Structures are given as C-alpha cells and as structure tokens.
Amino acid sequence: MSNVLYGGQSQPFTGLRTYVFTAPTTGLYTVSCQATPLPVGSALQIVLAQSGSASNSVTFGGTSTNPAQNQDSIAGNTRFVLVAGDLVTVTVSSSAAVDSLPNAVKGIINLFLEQ
C-alpha cells in the first residue's frame, strides 16, 4: 500500500525498507532523503525512483565494494515530473550486516509538489 502525496510530506524512517508514495496530481515534485548517522562499515544505498508515466531513478550511497564508512550521512535529492497516479519509490538498502541491526539506519524522506 502506498501513501498519497498531498502538496508536501515528510516521512521519518528507521531500518532498511522500501517506501512507496502516489502522486495525487500532475506536476513537478522534489524528492529528498537523508540518513544519519551511519555506522562504521556501512554500505547504505538510497534509491529514489519514479514509475508510471516515465521510469527514472537516482542512487546515492555506497556499495559492498565501496562502503560509505567514512561518511557521517548520506543525502540526496532529485526532481520528477509526475502524472497523477505515478509512484515514487524510496528504497533504503544495504549489503552490510551492520546496517541491518535494529535502529542502525535512521533518516527522513521529504516530498513536495513545486508551485
């Protein structure tokens, strides 16, 4: 089940998971996500993706071969032109065991419709 975007929305998150939001109206949306503080040895990745009328995605963060262990946080943002009913998916994932511990990863997702 997805959340519906109404002009602007913030969603705090804890842990590794996927969040899905539905655009209620056509327009230019800004999507941002920040995770902080990251544990030492983190390999956190955040993927911001659009699906529906178009398919686009942006990835931030490390991988198992290039961990983000020297970063205090990972943050990024992008803009998507969404048509009513399009989905925005924010996936917070990692290949490092340290990131899967309870409360190891915390952050916030912000979405808003540009005026």
Protein backbone atom coordinates (compact mmCIF):
# COMPACT_ATOMS: atom_id res chain seq x y z
CA MET A 1 0.00 0.00 0.00
CA SER A 2 1.28 3.44 -0.82
CA ASN A 3 0.94 6.83 0.78
CA VAL A 4 -0.65 9.67 -1.21
CA LEU A 5 1.34 12.88 -1.63
CA TYR A 6 -0.61 15.99 -0.72
CA GLY A 7 1.49 19.03 -1.63
CA GLY A 8 4.27 18.18 0.80
CA GLN A 9 5.05 15.26 3.04
CA SER A 10 7.83 14.14 5.37
CA GLN A 11 8.28 10.53 6.41
CA PRO A 12 10.85 9.58 9.06
CA PHE A 13 12.25 6.08 8.68
CA THR A 14 14.20 3.53 10.70
CA GLY A 15 15.83 0.49 9.17
CA LEU A 16 16.14 -0.92 5.70
CA ARG A 17 12.92 -0.95 3.70
CA THR A 18 11.01 0.47 0.76
CA TYR A 19 8.55 3.36 0.89
CA VAL A 20 6.02 3.99 -1.89
CA PHE A 21 4.12 7.23 -2.45
CA THR A 22 1.41 8.01 -5.04
CA ALA A 23 1.18 11.42 -6.75
CA PRO A 24 -2.39 12.78 -6.48
CA THR A 25 -1.89 15.37 -9.22
CA THR A 26 0.36 16.09 -12.18
CA GLY A 27 3.33 18.36 -11.52
CA LEU A 28 7.00 18.75 -10.70
CA TYR A 29 7.90 17.02 -7.44
CA THR A 30 11.10 17.25 -5.41
CA VAL A 31 12.09 14.09 -3.54
CA SER A 32 14.88 14.09 -0.97
CA CYS A 33 16.19 11.58 1.52
CA GLN A 34 18.80 11.75 4.25
CA ALA A 35 20.18 9.03 6.54
CA THR A 36 22.36 9.92 9.52
CA PRO A 37 24.44 8.96 11.47
CA LEU A 38 25.77 5.92 9.62
CA PRO A 39 27.52 3.10 11.45
CA VAL A 40 31.18 2.36 10.70
CA GLY A 41 31.34 -0.13 7.82
CA SER A 42 28.01 0.95 6.37
CA ALA A 43 27.24 0.14 2.76
CA LEU A 44 23.96 2.03 2.67
CA GLN A 45 22.26 2.87 -0.60
CA ILE A 46 19.22 5.06 -1.14
CA VAL A 47 17.37 4.80 -4.45
CA LEU A 48 14.79 7.42 -5.41
CA ALA A 49 12.67 6.11 -8.30
CA GLN A 50 9.68 7.14 -10.40
CA SER A 51 7.39 4.67 -12.13
CA GLY A 52 4.20 5.08 -14.11
CA SER A 53 4.18 7.61 -16.96
CA ALA A 54 8.00 7.51 -17.02
CA SER A 55 10.73 5.46 -15.38
CA ASN A 56 13.63 7.29 -13.72
CA SER A 57 15.87 6.66 -10.74
CA VAL A 58 18.78 8.16 -8.83
CA THR A 59 21.05 6.22 -6.43
CA PHE A 60 23.03 7.66 -3.51
CA GLY A 61 25.45 5.92 -1.15
CA GLY A 62 27.93 3.12 -1.05
CA THR A 63 28.01 -0.50 -2.13
CA SER A 64 29.63 -3.61 -0.69
CA THR A 65 32.80 -2.87 -2.71
CA ASN A 66 32.73 0.86 -1.95
CA PRO A 67 31.22 1.28 1.53
CA ALA A 68 30.16 4.64 2.90
CA GLN A 69 32.08 4.04 6.15
CA ASN A 70 33.77 7.44 6.21
CA GLN A 71 30.56 9.41 5.75
CA ASP A 72 28.52 10.79 8.62
CA SER A 73 25.39 10.73 6.48
CA ILE A 74 24.03 10.10 3.02
CA ALA A 75 21.69 12.60 1.46
CA GLY A 76 20.37 13.33 -1.97
CA ASN A 77 17.50 14.81 -3.88
CA THR A 78 16.02 14.82 -7.33
CA ARG A 79 13.03 16.15 -9.23
CA PHE A 80 10.46 14.08 -11.05
CA VAL A 81 7.68 15.24 -13.38
CA LEU A 82 4.83 13.05 -12.18
CA VAL A 83 1.42 12.39 -13.65
CA ALA A 84 -1.45 11.77 -11.24
CA GLY A 85 -1.19 8.14 -10.10
CA ASP A 86 2.57 7.83 -10.72
CA LEU A 87 4.56 6.18 -7.96
CA VAL A 88 7.66 7.44 -6.18
CA THR A 89 9.61 4.64 -4.52
CA VAL A 90 12.33 5.28 -1.95
CA THR A 91 14.41 2.17 -1.23
CA VAL A 92 16.83 2.16 1.69
CA SER A 93 19.06 -0.93 1.37
CA SER A 94 22.49 -2.25 2.21
CA SER A 95 24.76 -5.23 1.66
CA ALA A 96 26.48 -4.72 5.05
CA ALA A 97 25.24 -6.60 8.11
CA VAL A 98 25.92 -3.59 10.35
CA ASP A 99 23.16 -1.64 8.57
CA SER A 100 20.53 -4.32 9.27
CA LEU A 101 20.84 -4.04 13.06
CA PRO A 102 17.78 -2.53 14.77
CA ASN A 103 17.86 1.28 14.66
CA ALA A 104 21.24 1.31 12.83
CA VAL A 105 19.86 3.43 10.00
CA LYS A 106 17.58 6.41 10.61
CA GLY A 107 16.55 9.26 8.39
CA ILE A 108 13.82 11.24 6.71
CA ILE A 109 12.16 11.33 3.30
CA ASN A 110 10.75 14.66 2.07
CA LEU A 111 8.45 15.02 -0.92
CA PHE A 112 6.75 18.11 -2.18
CA LEU A 113 4.94 19.46 -5.20
CA GLU A 114 6.62 22.53 -6.66
CA GLN A 115 4.36 25.54 -7.17
